[in-house]
Amino acid sequence: MATFELYRRSTIGMCLTETLDEMVQSGTLTPELAIQVLVQFDKSMTEALETQVKSKVSVKGHLHTYRFCDNVWTFILQDASFKNEECQEHVGRVKIVACDSKLLSQ
């Protein structure tokens, strides 16, 4: 199964990467094993988002920048609001990165 390394830039992905780096530096973990952990993280995040997330969110905001490069959309919104069935949140600035999941099966 192919995966995107996109989720490594999330908060949990960054924390995992920092922890793995510290473990490699201290000699607790080999670099090869750290890479295997990151690859498994990519697979697990992709699978969890595909199978476990059922909620839908609507997003509104002022489009500041958009880009389509290498089959990846990047949107930067200002004064954005995220709304689902339960709540609504306002964010001053947000970056949304979207990849076509159909590319994973190629």
Protein backbone atom coordinates (compact mmCIF):
# COMPACT_ATOMS: atom_id res chain seq x y z
CA MET A 1 0.00 0.00 0.00
CA ALA A 2 1.46 3.35 -1.01
CA THR A 3 1.02 6.28 1.36
CA PHE A 4 1.58 9.99 1.53
CA GLU A 5 4.14 11.37 3.96
CA LEU A 6 1.76 14.29 4.43
CA TYR A 7 0.76 13.42 8.00
CA ARG A 8 4.35 13.71 9.23
CA ARG A 9 3.84 17.49 9.18
CA SER A 10 0.92 17.22 11.64
CA THR A 11 1.49 17.90 15.33
CA ILE A 12 1.57 14.21 16.21
CA GLY A 13 3.81 13.44 13.23
CA MET A 14 6.29 16.16 14.21
CA CYS A 15 6.36 14.90 17.82
CA LEU A 16 6.94 11.34 16.63
CA THR A 17 9.75 12.47 14.33
CA GLU A 18 11.42 14.49 17.10
CA THR A 19 11.19 11.55 19.51
CA LEU A 20 12.60 9.13 16.95
CA ASP A 21 15.46 11.55 16.22
CA GLU A 22 16.28 11.75 19.93
CA MET A 23 16.21 7.95 20.21
CA VAL A 24 18.52 7.57 17.21
CA GLN A 25 20.91 10.22 18.61
CA SER A 26 21.06 8.45 21.98
CA GLY A 27 21.63 5.08 20.34
CA THR A 28 18.37 3.60 21.64
CA LEU A 29 17.07 3.06 18.11
CA THR A 30 18.72 2.39 14.76
CA PRO A 31 18.03 4.80 11.90
CA GLU A 32 16.55 1.93 9.88
CA LEU A 33 14.04 1.10 12.61
CA ALA A 34 13.11 4.79 12.96
CA ILE A 35 12.34 4.90 9.23
CA GLN A 36 10.19 1.76 9.55
CA VAL A 37 8.25 3.43 12.38
CA LEU A 38 7.60 6.50 10.20
CA VAL A 39 6.46 4.35 7.26
CA GLN A 40 4.07 2.48 9.58
CA PHE A 41 2.83 5.84 10.93
CA ASP A 42 2.04 6.95 7.35
CA LYS A 43 0.13 3.72 6.67
CA SER A 44 -1.75 3.85 9.98
CA MET A 45 -2.81 7.49 9.55
CA THR A 46 -4.04 6.86 6.03
CA GLU A 47 -6.00 3.78 7.10
CA ALA A 48 -7.47 5.47 10.18
CA LEU A 49 -8.69 8.47 8.21
CA GLU A 50 -10.21 6.24 5.53
CA THR A 51 -12.01 3.85 7.89
CA GLN A 52 -12.68 5.61 11.18
CA VAL A 53 -13.50 9.24 10.40
CA LYS A 54 -17.16 9.61 9.50
CA SER A 55 -17.91 13.27 10.25
CA LYS A 56 -18.13 15.97 7.63
CA VAL A 57 -17.03 19.58 7.98
CA SER A 58 -17.87 22.61 5.91
CA VAL A 59 -15.20 25.27 5.49
CA LYS A 60 -15.75 28.91 4.63
CA GLY A 61 -13.20 31.67 4.42
CA HIS A 62 -11.38 34.14 2.21
CA LEU A 63 -9.07 32.37 -0.22
CA HIS A 64 -5.67 34.00 0.07
CA THR A 65 -3.59 31.58 -2.04
CA TYR A 66 -4.13 28.35 -3.92
CA ARG A 67 -1.75 26.05 -5.75
CA PHE A 68 -1.91 22.76 -7.65
CA CYS A 69 1.43 21.05 -8.06
CA ASP A 70 2.27 17.34 -8.47
CA ASN A 71 -1.38 16.35 -7.91
CA VAL A 72 -1.46 18.16 -4.57
CA TRP A 73 -3.81 21.08 -3.86
CA THR A 74 -2.72 23.69 -1.31
CA PHE A 75 -5.19 26.31 -0.09
CA ILE A 76 -4.44 29.13 2.33
CA LEU A 77 -7.60 30.64 3.84
CA GLN A 78 -7.95 33.72 6.00
CA ASP A 79 -10.78 34.31 8.48
CA ALA A 80 -11.90 30.72 8.03
CA SER A 81 -14.71 28.96 9.85
CA PHE A 82 -15.08 25.20 10.23
CA LYS A 83 -18.57 23.92 10.95
CA ASN A 84 -19.92 20.44 11.68
CA GLU A 85 -23.12 19.14 13.27
CA GLU A 86 -21.91 19.92 16.79
CA CYS A 87 -19.86 23.11 16.73
CA GLN A 88 -18.28 25.90 14.75
CA GLU A 89 -14.69 27.17 15.05
CA HIS A 90 -13.12 30.32 13.64
CA VAL A 91 -9.46 30.46 12.62
CA GLY A 92 -7.50 33.50 11.50
CA ARG A 93 -5.37 31.65 8.95
CA VAL A 94 -5.30 28.00 7.89
CA LYS A 95 -3.39 25.96 5.33
CA ILE A 96 -5.23 23.01 3.77
CA VAL A 97 -3.28 20.41 1.80
CA ALA A 98 -5.35 17.91 -0.21
CA CYS A 99 -4.11 14.89 -2.13
CA ASP A 100 -6.08 12.55 -4.38
CA SER A 101 -6.39 9.24 -2.52
CA LYS A 102 -6.85 7.45 -5.85
CA LEU A 103 -3.15 8.07 -6.47
CA LEU A 104 -2.33 5.69 -3.60
CA SER A 105 -3.62 2.69 -5.53
CA GLN A 106 -1.44 3.35 -8.58
